[in-house]
Amino acid sequence: MILAIIATVVSLITCCGYVSCIGVILGIIAIVFSTQVDSKYFAGDYAGAESAAKNAKLLSLIAIGTIILSIVWIIVSIILAGGISAIMEQYQTIMDQYGA
Protein backbone atom coordinates (compact mmCIF):
# COMPACT_ATOMS: atom_id res chain seq x y z
CA MET A 1 0.00 0.00 0.00
CA ILE A 2 2.75 2.44 0.93
CA LEU A 3 4.64 1.86 -2.31
CA ALA A 4 1.47 2.47 -4.32
CA ILE A 5 0.71 5.69 -2.44
CA ILE A 6 4.27 6.98 -2.83
CA ALA A 7 4.24 6.16 -6.55
CA THR A 8 0.93 7.97 -7.00
CA VAL A 9 1.91 11.09 -5.05
CA VAL A 10 5.31 11.43 -6.71
CA SER A 11 3.71 10.88 -10.12
CA LEU A 12 1.31 13.71 -9.35
CA ILE A 13 4.18 15.97 -8.39
CA THR A 14 6.18 15.19 -11.54
CA CYS A 15 3.17 15.13 -13.87
CA CYS A 16 4.83 17.28 -16.53
CA GLY A 17 4.26 14.93 -19.42
CA TYR A 18 2.06 12.12 -20.56
CA VAL A 19 4.45 9.46 -19.29
CA SER A 20 4.16 10.57 -15.68
CA CYS A 21 0.39 11.02 -15.90
CA ILE A 22 0.22 7.36 -16.86
CA GLY A 23 2.08 6.75 -13.58
CA VAL A 24 -0.71 8.49 -11.69
CA ILE A 25 -3.31 6.20 -13.25
CA LEU A 26 -1.22 3.11 -12.57
CA GLY A 27 -0.62 4.26 -9.00
CA ILE A 28 -4.34 4.65 -8.37
CA ILE A 29 -5.01 1.18 -9.76
CA ALA A 30 -2.20 -0.17 -7.55
CA ILE A 31 -3.86 1.43 -4.52
CA VAL A 32 -7.12 -0.31 -5.42
CA PHE A 33 -5.36 -3.67 -5.70
CA SER A 34 -3.52 -3.13 -2.43
CA THR A 35 -6.77 -2.40 -0.60
CA GLN A 36 -8.15 -5.71 -1.83
CA VAL A 37 -5.32 -7.73 -0.27
CA ASP A 38 -6.55 -7.65 3.36
CA SER A 39 -10.17 -8.34 2.54
CA LYS A 40 -9.28 -11.30 0.34
CA TYR A 41 -6.81 -12.66 2.88
CA PHE A 42 -9.28 -12.52 5.79
CA ALA A 43 -11.98 -14.04 3.59
CA GLY A 44 -9.72 -17.04 3.09
CA ASP A 45 -8.87 -16.27 -0.54
CA TYR A 46 -5.11 -16.56 -0.10
CA ALA A 47 -4.41 -16.98 -3.82
CA GLY A 48 -6.51 -13.90 -4.60
CA ALA A 49 -4.73 -11.90 -1.90
CA GLU A 50 -1.35 -12.95 -3.25
CA SER A 51 -2.40 -12.09 -6.79
CA ALA A 52 -3.69 -8.66 -5.76
CA ALA A 53 -0.46 -7.98 -3.85
CA LYS A 54 1.66 -8.95 -6.87
CA ASN A 55 -0.45 -6.77 -9.17
CA ALA A 56 -0.20 -3.82 -6.78
CA LYS A 57 3.57 -4.19 -6.52
CA LEU A 58 4.02 -4.53 -10.28
CA LEU A 59 1.85 -1.49 -11.05
CA SER A 60 3.64 0.54 -8.37
CA LEU A 61 7.03 -0.34 -9.84
CA ILE A 62 5.86 0.57 -13.34
CA ALA A 63 4.55 3.89 -11.99
CA ILE A 64 7.94 4.54 -10.39
CA GLY A 65 9.54 3.70 -13.74
CA THR A 66 7.41 6.36 -15.41
CA ILE A 67 8.56 8.84 -12.77
CA ILE A 68 12.18 8.05 -13.59
CA LEU A 69 11.47 8.41 -17.32
CA SER A 70 9.77 11.73 -16.70
CA ILE A 71 12.71 13.06 -14.66
CA VAL A 72 15.17 11.94 -17.34
CA TRP A 73 12.99 13.64 -19.97
CA ILE A 74 12.99 16.88 -17.98
CA ILE A 75 16.78 16.81 -17.57
CA VAL A 76 17.35 16.07 -21.27
CA SER A 77 14.93 18.85 -22.24
CA ILE A 78 16.78 21.35 -20.06
CA ILE A 79 20.14 20.30 -21.49
CA LEU A 80 18.91 20.48 -25.09
CA ALA A 81 17.33 23.89 -24.51
CA GLY A 82 20.69 25.30 -23.40
CA GLY A 83 20.23 25.20 -19.65
CA ILE A 84 17.98 26.96 -17.18
CA SER A 85 19.21 30.42 -18.16
CA ALA A 86 18.24 29.83 -21.80
CA ILE A 87 14.80 28.63 -20.75
CA MET A 88 14.34 31.68 -18.54
CA GLU A 89 15.40 33.97 -21.40
CA GLN A 90 12.87 32.32 -23.71
CA TYR A 91 10.21 32.70 -21.04
CA GLN A 92 11.09 36.36 -20.54
CA THR A 93 10.92 36.97 -24.31
CA ILE A 94 7.46 35.42 -24.47
CA MET A 95 6.31 37.45 -21.48
CA ASP A 96 7.65 40.66 -23.08
CA GLN A 97 5.80 39.89 -26.32
CA TYR A 98 2.49 39.61 -24.47
CA GLY A 99 3.17 42.63 -22.28
CA ALA A 100 2.96 40.77 -19.01
PDB file of N, CA and C in Angstrom:
ATOM      1  N   MET A   1       0.837  -1.196   0.000  1.00  0.00           N
ATOM      2  CA  MET A   1       0.000   0.000   0.000  1.00  0.00           C
ATOM      3  C   MET A   1       0.877   1.253   0.000  1.00  0.00           C
ATOM      4  N   ILE A   2       1.918   1.250   0.814  1.00  0.00           N
ATOM      5  CA  ILE A   2       2.754   2.444   0.930  1.00  0.00           C
ATOM      6  C   ILE A   2       3.467   2.726  -0.390  1.00  0.00           C
ATOM      7  N   LEU A   3       3.970   1.686  -1.031  1.00  0.00           N
ATOM      8  CA  LEU A   3       4.644   1.858  -2.314  1.00  0.00           C
ATOM      9  C   LEU A   3       3.693   2.442  -3.355  1.00  0.00           C
ATOM     10  N   ALA A   4       2.461   1.970  -3.362  1.00  0.00           N
ATOM     11  CA  ALA A   4       1.466   2.470  -4.317  1.00  0.00           C
ATOM     12  C   ALA A   4       1.142   3.934  -4.049  1.00  0.00           C
ATOM     13  N   ILE A   5       1.011   4.297  -2.793  1.00  0.00           N
ATOM     14  CA  ILE A   5       0.705   5.694  -2.442  1.00  0.00           C
ATOM     15  C   ILE A   5       1.874   6.603  -2.815  1.00  0.00           C
ATOM     16  N   ILE A   6       3.098   6.174  -2.501  1.00  0.00           N
ATOM     17  CA  ILE A   6       4.274   6.982  -2.829  1.00  0.00           C
ATOM     18  C   ILE A   6       4.378   7.162  -4.345  1.00  0.00           C
ATOM     19  N   ALA A   7       4.171   6.080  -5.087  1.00  0.00           N
ATOM     20  CA  ALA A   7       4.242   6.162  -6.550  1.00  0.00           C
ATOM     21  C   ALA A   7       3.197   7.127  -7.089  1.00  0.00           C
ATOM     22  N   THR A   8       1.996   7.097  -6.531  1.00  0.00           N
ATOM     23  CA  THR A   8       0.927   7.972  -7.003  1.00  0.00           C
ATOM     24  C   THR A   8       1.219   9.435  -6.687  1.00  0.00           C
ATOM     25  N   VAL A   9       1.646   9.703  -5.461  1.00  0.00           N
ATOM     26  CA  VAL A   9       1.905  11.089  -5.050  1.00  0.00           C
ATOM     27  C   VAL A   9       3.076  11.684  -5.835  1.00  0.00           C
ATOM     28  N   VAL A  10       4.157  10.916  -5.972  1.00  0.00           N
ATOM     29  CA  VAL A  10       5.310  11.430  -6.706  1.00  0.00           C
ATOM     30  C   VAL A  10       4.966  11.599  -8.187  1.00  0.00           C
ATOM     31  N   SER A  11       4.150  10.714  -8.721  1.00  0.00           N
ATOM     32  CA  SER A  11       3.709  10.877 -10.119  1.00  0.00           C
ATOM     33  C   SER A  11       2.889  12.147 -10.277  1.00  0.00           C
ATOM     34  N   LEU A  12       2.075  12.459  -9.294  1.00  0.00           N
ATOM     35  CA  LEU A  12       1.307  13.707  -9.352  1.00  0.00           C
ATOM     36  C   LEU A  12       2.219  14.923  -9.325  1.00  0.00           C
ATOM     37  N   ILE A  13       3.265  14.849  -8.522  1.00  0.00           N
ATOM     38  CA  ILE A  13       4.185  15.971  -8.395  1.00  0.00           C
ATOM     39  C   ILE A  13       4.958  16.182  -9.686  1.00  0.00           C
ATOM     40  N   THR A  14       5.372  15.083 -10.329  1.00  0.00           N
ATOM     41  CA  THR A  14       6.181  15.190 -11.544  1.00  0.00           C
ATOM     42  C   THR A  14       5.343  15.070 -12.803  1.00  0.00           C
ATOM     43  N   CYS A  15       4.065  15.314 -12.719  1.00  0.00           N
ATOM     44  CA  CYS A  15       3.170  15.128 -13.867  1.00  0.00           C
ATOM     45  C   CYS A  15       3.365  16.252 -14.873  1.00  0.00           C
ATOM     46  N   CYS A  16       4.524  16.261 -15.522  1.00  0.00           N
ATOM     47  CA  CYS A  16       4.830  17.277 -16.530  1.00  0.00           C
ATOM     48  C   CYS A  16       4.561  16.777 -17.933  1.00  0.00           C
ATOM     49  N   GLY A  17       4.463  15.495 -18.099  1.00  0.00           N
ATOM     50  CA  GLY A  17       4.259  14.933 -19.422  1.00  0.00           C
ATOM     51  C   GLY A  17       3.305  13.769 -19.350  1.00  0.00           C
ATOM     52  N   TYR A  18       3.014  13.224 -20.496  1.00  0.00           N
ATOM     53  CA  TYR A  18       2.060  12.122 -20.558  1.00  0.00           C
ATOM     54  C   TYR A  18       2.575  10.885 -19.855  1.00  0.00           C
ATOM     55  N   VAL A  19       3.883  10.664 -19.896  1.00  0.00           N
ATOM     56  CA  VAL A  19       4.449   9.458 -19.288  1.00  0.00           C
ATOM     57  C   VAL A  19       4.166   9.426 -17.797  1.00  0.00           C
ATOM     58  N   SER A  20       4.362  10.550 -17.115  1.00  0.00           N
ATOM     59  CA  SER A  20       4.160  10.571 -15.676  1.00  0.00           C
ATOM     60  C   SER A  20       2.682  10.534 -15.313  1.00  0.00           C
ATOM     61  N   CYS A  21       1.828  11.084 -16.165  1.00  0.00           N
ATOM     62  CA  CYS A  21       0.394  11.018 -15.898  1.00  0.00           C
ATOM     63  C   CYS A  21      -0.101   9.581 -15.986  1.00  0.00           C
ATOM     64  N   ILE A  22       0.543   8.785 -16.823  1.00  0.00           N
ATOM     65  CA  ILE A  22       0.224   7.360 -16.856  1.00  0.00           C
ATOM     66  C   ILE A  22       0.584   6.744 -15.509  1.00  0.00           C
ATOM     67  N   GLY A  23       1.672   7.218 -14.907  1.00  0.00           N
ATOM     68  CA  GLY A  23       2.075   6.746 -13.585  1.00  0.00           C
ATOM     69  C   GLY A  23       1.031   7.033 -12.526  1.00  0.00           C
ATOM     70  N   VAL A  24       0.360   8.156 -12.639  1.00  0.00           N
ATOM     71  CA  VAL A  24      -0.712   8.488 -11.693  1.00  0.00           C
ATOM     72  C   VAL A  24      -1.844   7.468 -11.810  1.00  0.00           C
ATOM     73  N   ILE A  25      -2.232   7.168 -13.031  1.00  0.00           N
ATOM     74  CA  ILE A  25      -3.313   6.203 -13.254  1.00  0.00           C
ATOM     75  C   ILE A  25      -2.918   4.833 -12.725  1.00  0.00           C
ATOM     76  N   LEU A  26      -1.688   4.406 -13.049  1.00  0.00           N
ATOM     77  CA  LEU A  26      -1.224   3.108 -12.570  1.00  0.00           C
ATOM     78  C   LEU A  26      -1.118   3.076 -11.046  1.00  0.00           C
ATOM     79  N   GLY A  27      -0.707   4.184 -10.452  1.00  0.00           N
ATOM     80  CA  GLY A  27      -0.622   4.261  -8.997  1.00  0.00           C
ATOM     81  C   GLY A  27      -1.985   4.130  -8.332  1.00  0.00           C
ATOM     82  N   ILE A  28      -2.988   4.756  -8.923  1.00  0.00           N
ATOM     83  CA  ILE A  28      -4.343   4.649  -8.372  1.00  0.00           C
ATOM     84  C   ILE A  28      -4.853   3.215  -8.479  1.00  0.00           C
ATOM     85  N   ILE A  29      -4.588   2.578  -9.604  1.00  0.00           N
ATOM     86  CA  ILE A  29      -5.007   1.181  -9.760  1.00  0.00           C
ATOM     87  C   ILE A  29      -4.262   0.301  -8.762  1.00  0.00           C
ATOM     88  N   ALA A  30      -2.977   0.596  -8.533  1.00  0.00           N
ATOM     89  CA  ALA A  30      -2.197  -0.167  -7.551  1.00  0.00           C
ATOM     90  C   ALA A  30      -2.769   0.007  -6.148  1.00  0.00           C
ATOM     91  N   ILE A  31      -3.240   1.204  -5.824  1.00  0.00           N
ATOM     92  CA  ILE A  31      -3.863   1.431  -4.516  1.00  0.00           C
ATOM     93  C   ILE A  31      -5.123   0.580  -4.387  1.00  0.00           C
ATOM     94  N   VAL A  32      -5.899   0.502  -5.446  1.00  0.00           N
ATOM     95  CA  VAL A  32      -7.122  -0.312  -5.422  1.00  0.00           C
ATOM     96  C   VAL A  32      -6.770  -1.778  -5.177  1.00  0.00           C
ATOM     97  N   PHE A  33      -5.773  -2.276  -5.905  1.00  0.00           N
ATOM     98  CA  PHE A  33      -5.363  -3.668  -5.704  1.00  0.00           C
ATOM     99  C   PHE A  33      -4.849  -3.897  -4.288  1.00  0.00           C
ATOM    100  N   SER A  34      -4.089  -2.945  -3.772  1.00  0.00           N
ATOM    101  CA  SER A  34      -3.521  -3.131  -2.432  1.00  0.00           C
ATOM    102  C   SER A  34      -4.597  -3.098  -1.349  1.00  0.00           C
ATOM    103  N   THR A  35      -5.688  -2.385  -1.587  1.00  0.00           N
ATOM    104  CA  THR A  35      -6.769  -2.395  -0.597  1.00  0.00           C
ATOM    105  C   THR A  35      -7.544  -3.705  -0.627  1.00  0.00           C
ATOM    106  N   GLN A  36      -7.451  -4.433  -1.722  1.00  0.00           N
ATOM    107  CA  GLN A  36      -8.150  -5.713  -1.825  1.00  0.00           C
ATOM    108  C   GLN A  36      -7.411  -6.842  -1.112  1.00  0.00           C
ATOM    109  N   VAL A  37      -6.135  -6.656  -0.833  1.00  0.00           N
ATOM    110  CA  VAL A  37      -5.324  -7.731  -0.265  1.00  0.00           C
ATOM    111  C   VAL A  37      -5.863  -8.186   1.088  1.00  0.00           C
ATOM    112  N   ASP A  38      -6.079  -7.270   2.015  1.00  0.00           N
ATOM    113  CA  ASP A  38      -6.548  -7.646   3.361  1.00  0.00           C
ATOM    114  C   ASP A  38      -7.909  -8.319   3.323  1.00  0.00           C
ATOM    115  N   SER A  39      -8.832  -7.750   2.556  1.00  0.00           N
ATOM    116  CA  SER A  39     -10.172  -8.336   2.544  1.00  0.00           C
ATOM    117  C   SER A  39     -10.156  -9.741   1.947  1.00  0.00           C
ATOM    118  N   LYS A  40      -9.368  -9.960   0.927  1.00  0.00           N
ATOM    119  CA  LYS A  40      -9.277 -11.301   0.337  1.00  0.00           C
ATOM    120  C   LYS A  40      -8.577 -12.268   1.288  1.00  0.00           C
ATOM    121  N   TYR A  41      -7.550 -11.793   1.960  1.00  0.00           N
ATOM    122  CA  TYR A  41      -6.813 -12.658   2.884  1.00  0.00           C
ATOM    123  C   TYR A  41      -7.701 -13.115   4.042  1.00  0.00           C
ATOM    124  N   PHE A  42      -8.430 -12.173   4.642  1.00  0.00           N
ATOM    125  CA  PHE A  42      -9.284 -12.518   5.787  1.00  0.00           C
ATOM    126  C   PHE A  42     -10.531 -13.293   5.374  1.00  0.00           C
ATOM    127  N   ALA A  43     -10.873 -13.239   4.095  1.00  0.00           N
ATOM    128  CA  ALA A  43     -11.983 -14.038   3.590  1.00  0.00           C
ATOM    129  C   ALA A  43     -11.531 -15.456   3.245  1.00  0.00           C
ATOM    130  N   GLY A  44     -10.236 -15.712   3.368  1.00  0.00           N
ATOM    131  CA  GLY A  44      -9.717 -17.037   3.086  1.00  0.00           C
ATOM    132  C   GLY A  44      -9.241 -17.234   1.667  1.00  0.00           C
ATOM    133  N   ASP A  45      -9.312 -16.193   0.857  1.00  0.00           N
ATOM    134  CA  ASP A  45      -8.872 -16.265  -0.539  1.00  0.00           C
ATOM    135  C   ASP A  45      -7.389 -15.891  -0.598  1.00  0.00           C
ATOM    136  N   TYR A  46      -6.539 -16.836  -0.192  1.00  0.00           N
ATOM    137  CA  TYR A  46      -5.110 -16.557  -0.104  1.00  0.00           C
ATOM    138  C   TYR A  46      -4.483 -16.362  -1.489  1.00  0.00           C
ATOM    139  N   ALA A  47      -4.940 -17.135  -2.456  1.00  0.00           N
ATOM    140  CA  ALA A  47      -4.414 -16.981  -3.816  1.00  0.00           C
ATOM    141  C   ALA A  47      -4.819 -15.623  -4.390  1.00  0.00           C
ATOM    142  N   GLY A  48      -6.050 -15.211  -4.124  1.00  0.00           N
ATOM    143  CA  GLY A  48      -6.513 -13.905  -4.595  1.00  0.00           C
ATOM    144  C   GLY A  48      -5.761 -12.768  -3.925  1.00  0.00           C
ATOM    145  N   ALA A  49      -5.477 -12.930  -2.628  1.00  0.00           N
ATOM    146  CA  ALA A  49      -4.726 -11.899  -1.902  1.00  0.00           C
ATOM    147  C   ALA A  49      -3.306 -11.805  -2.434  1.00  0.00           C
ATOM    148  N   GLU A  50      -2.700 -12.954  -2.717  1.00  0.00           N
ATOM    149  CA  GLU A  50      -1.347 -12.954  -3.253  1.00  0.00           C
ATOM    150  C   GLU A  50      -1.319 -12.343  -4.651  1.00  0.00           C
ATOM    151  N   SER A  51      -2.317 -12.655  -5.451  1.00  0.00           N
ATOM    152  CA  SER A  51      -2.400 -12.094  -6.793  1.00  0.00           C
ATOM    153  C   SER A  51      -2.590 -10.580  -6.751  1.00  0.00           C
ATOM    154  N   ALA A  52      -3.464 -10.100  -5.875  1.00  0.00           N
ATOM    155  CA  ALA A  52      -3.693  -8.660  -5.756  1.00  0.00           C
ATOM    156  C   ALA A  52      -2.430  -7.950  -5.277  1.00  0.00           C
ATOM    157  N   ALA A  53      -1.700  -8.579  -4.351  1.00  0.00           N
ATOM    158  CA  ALA A  53      -0.461  -7.984  -3.852  1.00  0.00           C
ATOM    159  C   ALA A  53       0.586  -7.898  -4.959  1.00  0.00           C
ATOM    160  N   LYS A  54       0.698  -8.967  -5.761  1.00  0.00           N
ATOM    161  CA  LYS A  54       1.659  -8.952  -6.865  1.00  0.00           C
ATOM    162  C   LYS A  54       1.286  -7.895  -7.896  1.00  0.00           C
ATOM    163  N   ASN A  55      -0.001  -7.788  -8.206  1.00  0.00           N
ATOM    164  CA  ASN A  55      -0.449  -6.769  -9.166  1.00  0.00           C
ATOM    165  C   ASN A  55      -0.176  -5.363  -8.653  1.00  0.00           C
ATOM    166  N   ALA A  56      -0.440  -5.138  -7.369  1.00  0.00           N
ATOM    167  CA  ALA A  56      -0.202  -3.822  -6.781  1.00  0.00           C
ATOM    168  C   ALA A  56       1.275  -3.469  -6.828  1.00  0.00           C
ATOM    169  N   LYS A  57       2.122  -4.442  -6.497  1.00  0.00           N
ATOM    170  CA  LYS A  57       3.566  -4.188  -6.517  1.00  0.00           C
ATOM    171  C   LYS A  57       4.046  -3.908  -7.935  1.00  0.00           C
ATOM    172  N   LEU A  58       3.606  -4.711  -8.890  1.00  0.00           N
ATOM    173  CA  LEU A  58       4.018  -4.526 -10.282  1.00  0.00           C
ATOM    174  C   LEU A  58       3.593  -3.158 -10.812  1.00  0.00           C
ATOM    175  N   LEU A  59       2.338  -2.785 -10.573  1.00  0.00           N
ATOM    176  CA  LEU A  59       1.854  -1.492 -11.051  1.00  0.00           C
ATOM    177  C   LEU A  59       2.579  -0.335 -10.369  1.00  0.00           C
ATOM    178  N   SER A  60       2.895  -0.500  -9.085  1.00  0.00           N
ATOM    179  CA  SER A  60       3.638   0.541  -8.373  1.00  0.00           C
ATOM    180  C   SER A  60       5.031   0.706  -8.960  1.00  0.00           C
ATOM    181  N   LEU A  61       5.689  -0.407  -9.259  1.00  0.00           N
ATOM    182  CA  LEU A  61       7.032  -0.335  -9.838  1.00  0.00           C
ATOM    183  C   LEU A  61       7.004   0.270 -11.241  1.00  0.00           C
ATOM    184  N   ILE A  62       5.986  -0.046 -12.010  1.00  0.00           N
ATOM    185  CA  ILE A  62       5.862   0.565 -13.339  1.00  0.00           C
ATOM    186  C   ILE A  62       5.617   2.070 -13.193  1.00  0.00           C
ATOM    187  N   ALA A  63       4.795   2.462 -12.223  1.00  0.00           N
ATOM    188  CA  ALA A  63       4.554   3.888 -11.990  1.00  0.00           C
ATOM    189  C   ALA A  63       5.843   4.596 -11.597  1.00  0.00           C
ATOM    190  N   ILE A  64       6.658   3.953 -10.771  1.00  0.00           N
ATOM    191  CA  ILE A  64       7.942   4.539 -10.390  1.00  0.00           C
ATOM    192  C   ILE A  64       8.849   4.632 -11.612  1.00  0.00           C
ATOM    193  N   GLY A  65       8.773   3.636 -12.492  1.00  0.00           N
ATOM    194  CA  GLY A  65       9.539   3.698 -13.735  1.00  0.00           C
ATOM    195  C   GLY A  65       9.143   4.884 -14.594  1.00  0.00           C
ATOM    196  N   THR A  66       7.850   5.190 -14.633  1.00  0.00           N
ATOM    197  CA  THR A  66       7.410   6.358 -15.408  1.00  0.00           C
ATOM    198  C   THR A  66       7.891   7.657 -14.769  1.00  0.00           C
ATOM    199  N   ILE A  67       8.018   7.660 -13.450  1.00  0.00           N
ATOM    200  CA  ILE A  67       8.562   8.835 -12.765  1.00  0.00           C
ATOM    201  C   ILE A  67      10.013   9.048 -13.185  1.00  0.00           C
ATOM    202  N   ILE A  68      10.771   7.962 -13.197  1.00  0.00           N
ATOM    203  CA  ILE A  68      12.177   8.051 -13.592  1.00  0.00           C
ATOM    204  C   ILE A  68      12.290   8.518 -15.041  1.00  0.00           C
ATOM    205  N   LEU A  69      11.461   7.959 -15.924  1.00  0.00           N
ATOM    206  CA  LEU A  69      11.471   8.405 -17.321  1.00  0.00           C
ATOM    207  C   LEU A  69      11.124   9.883 -17.440  1.00  0.00           C
ATOM    208  N   SER A  70      10.176  10.333 -16.656  1.00  0.00           N
ATOM    209  CA  SER A  70       9.769  11.734 -16.696  1.00  0.00           C
ATOM    210  C   SER A  70      10.902  12.647 -16.230  1.00  0.00           C
ATOM    211  N   ILE A  71      11.593  12.245 -15.170  1.00  0.00           N
ATOM    212  CA  ILE A  71      12.709  13.055 -14.662  1.00  0.00           C
ATOM    213  C   ILE A  71      13.836  13.103 -15.683  1.00  0.00           C
ATOM    214  N   VAL A  72      14.144  11.968 -16.300  1.00  0.00           N
ATOM    215  CA  VAL A  72      15.172  11.943 -17.341  1.00  0.00           C
ATOM    216  C   VAL A  72      14.760  12.847 -18.502  1.00  0.00           C
ATOM    217  N   TRP A  73      13.492  12.785 -18.879  1.00  0.00           N
ATOM    218  CA  TRP A  73      12.988  13.635 -19.966  1.00  0.00           C
ATOM    219  C   TRP A  73      13.138  15.118 -19.628  1.00  0.00           C
ATOM    220  N   ILE A  74      12.845  15.487 -18.402  1.00  0.00           N
ATOM    221  CA  ILE A  74      12.987  16.883 -17.976  1.00  0.00           C
ATOM    222  C   ILE A  74      14.446  17.315 -18.047  1.00  0.00           C
ATOM    223  N   ILE A  75      15.352  16.466 -17.567  1.00  0.00           N
ATOM    224  CA  ILE A  75      16.775  16.808 -17.574  1.00  0.00           C
ATOM    225  C   ILE A  75      17.288  16.941 -19.011  1.00  0.00           C
ATOM    226  N   VAL A  76      16.924  16.007 -19.864  1.00  0.00           N
ATOM    227  CA  VAL A  76      17.349  16.072 -21.268  1.00  0.00           C
ATOM    228  C   VAL A  76      16.783  17.322 -21.933  1.00  0.00           C
ATOM    229  N   SER A  77      15.544  17.658 -21.656  1.00  0.00           N
ATOM    230  CA  SER A  77      14.929  18.854 -22.240  1.00  0.00           C
ATOM    231  C   SER A  77      15.658  20.113 -21.805  1.00  0.00           C
ATOM    232  N   ILE A  78      16.046  20.171 -20.551  1.00  0.00           N
ATOM    233  CA  ILE A  78      16.781  21.347 -20.055  1.00  0.00           C
ATOM    234  C   ILE A  78      18.146  21.441 -20.729  1.00  0.00           C
ATOM    235  N   ILE A  79      18.818  20.302 -20.854  1.00  0.00           N
ATOM    236  CA  ILE A  79      20.138  20.304 -21.486  1.00  0.00           C
ATOM    237  C   ILE A  79      20.035  20.714 -22.955  1.00  0.00           C
ATOM    238  N   LEU A  80      19.062  20.156 -23.668  1.00  0.00           N
ATOM    239  CA  LEU A  80      18.912  20.482 -25.089  1.00  0.00           C
ATOM    240  C   LEU A  80      18.477  21.925 -25.314  1.00  0.00           C
ATOM    241  N   ALA A  81      17.783  22.506 -24.363  1.00  0.00           N
ATOM    242  CA  ALA A  81      17.334  23.890 -24.506  1.00  0.00           C
ATOM    243  C   ALA A  81      18.454  24.881 -24.195  1.00  0.00           C
ATOM    244  N   GLY A  82      19.575  24.409 -23.686  1.00  0.00           N
ATOM    245  CA  GLY A  82      20.693  25.299 -23.397  1.00  0.00           C
ATOM    246  C   GLY A  82      20.819  25.646 -21.936  1.00  0.00           C
ATOM    247  N   GLY A  83      20.136  24.950 -21.085  1.00  0.00           N
ATOM    248  CA  GLY A  83      20.225  25.196 -19.652  1.00  0.00           C
ATOM    249  C   GLY A  83      19.072  26.034 -19.141  1.00  0.00           C
ATOM    250  N   ILE A  84      19.061  26.212 -17.843  1.00  0.00           N
ATOM    251  CA  ILE A  84      17.982  26.957 -17.177  1.00  0.00           C
ATOM    252  C   ILE A  84      17.980  28.420 -17.616  1.00  0.00           C
ATOM    253  N   SER A  85      19.159  29.002 -17.774  1.00  0.00           N
ATOM    254  CA  SER A  85      19.211  30.420 -18.155  1.00  0.00           C
ATOM    255  C   SER A  85      18.594  30.631 -19.534  1.00  0.00           C
ATOM    256  N   ALA A  86      18.833  29.712 -20.473  1.00  0.00           N
ATOM    257  CA  ALA A  86      18.237  29.832 -21.804  1.00  0.00           C
ATOM    258  C   ALA A  86      16.725  29.698 -21.737  1.00  0.00           C
ATOM    259  N   ILE A  87      16.247  28.794 -20.906  1.00  0.00           N
ATOM    260  CA  ILE A  87      14.801  28.628 -20.749  1.00  0.00           C
ATOM    261  C   ILE A  87      14.184  29.883 -20.151  1.00  0.00           C
ATOM    262  N   MET A  88      14.856  30.466 -19.160  1.00  0.00           N
ATOM    263  CA  MET A  88      14.339  31.682 -18.545  1.00  0.00           C
ATOM    264  C   MET A  88      14.355  32.857 -19.524  1.00  0.00           C
ATOM    265  N   GLU A  89      15.363  32.917 -20.377  1.00  0.00           N
ATOM    266  CA  GLU A  89      15.402  33.973 -21.396  1.00  0.00           C
ATOM    267  C   GLU A  89      14.252  33.817 -22.386  1.00  0.00           C
ATOM    268  N   GLN A  90      13.988  32.574 -22.810  1.00  0.00           N
ATOM    269  CA  GLN A  90      12.865  32.320 -23.713  1.00  0.00           C
ATOM    270  C   GLN A  90      11.549  32.701 -23.043  1.00  0.00           C
ATOM    271  N   TYR A  91      11.422  32.370 -21.789  1.00  0.00           N
ATOM    272  CA  TYR A  91      10.214  32.702 -21.037  1.00  0.00           C
ATOM    273  C   TYR A  91      10.049  34.217 -20.936  1.00  0.00           C
ATOM    274  N   GLN A  92      11.150  34.903 -20.653  1.00  0.00           N
ATOM    275  CA  GLN A  92      11.091  36.365 -20.538  1.00  0.00           C
ATOM    276  C   GLN A  92      10.730  36.993 -21.881  1.00  0.00           C
ATOM    277  N   THR A  93      11.246  36.462 -22.982  1.00  0.00           N
ATOM    278  CA  THR A  93      10.916  36.966 -24.312  1.00  0.00           C
ATOM    279  C   THR A  93       9.427  36.803 -24.593  1.00  0.00           C
ATOM    280  N   ILE A  94       8.891  35.665 -24.270  1.00  0.00           N
ATOM    281  CA  ILE A  94       7.460  35.418 -24.474  1.00  0.00           C
ATOM    282  C   ILE A  94       6.637  36.369 -23.614  1.00  0.00           C
ATOM    283  N   MET A  95       7.042  36.544 -22.363  1.00  0.00           N
ATOM    284  CA  MET A  95       6.310  37.453 -21.482  1.00  0.00           C
ATOM    285  C   MET A  95       6.376  38.894 -21.982  1.00  0.00           C
ATOM    286  N   ASP A  96       7.526  39.300 -22.524  1.00  0.00           N
ATOM    287  CA  ASP A  96       7.648  40.662 -23.075  1.00  0.00           C
ATOM    288  C   ASP A  96       6.782  40.846 -24.309  1.00  0.00           C
ATOM    289  N   GLN A  97       6.631  39.808 -25.118  1.00  0.00           N
ATOM    290  CA  GLN A  97       5.795  39.891 -26.317  1.00  0.00           C
ATOM    291  C   GLN A  97       4.327  40.102 -25.953  1.00  0.00           C
ATOM    292  N   TYR A  98       3.908  39.495 -24.878  1.00  0.00           N
ATOM    293  CA  TYR A  98       2.494  39.606 -24.471  1.00  0.00           C
ATOM    294  C   TYR A  98       2.260  40.738 -23.474  1.00  0.00           C
ATOM    295  N   GLY A  99       3.314  41.473 -23.148  1.00  0.00           N
ATOM    296  CA  GLY A  99       3.165  42.625 -22.284  1.00  0.00           C
ATOM    297  C   GLY A  99       2.846  42.297 -20.844  1.00  0.00           C
ATOM    298  N   ALA A 100       3.245  41.162 -20.401  1.00  0.00           N
ATOM    299  CA  ALA A 100       2.955  40.769 -19.011  1.00  0.00           C
ATOM    300  C   ALA A 100       4.083  41.140 -18.107  1.00  0.00           C
TER     301      ALA A 100
END
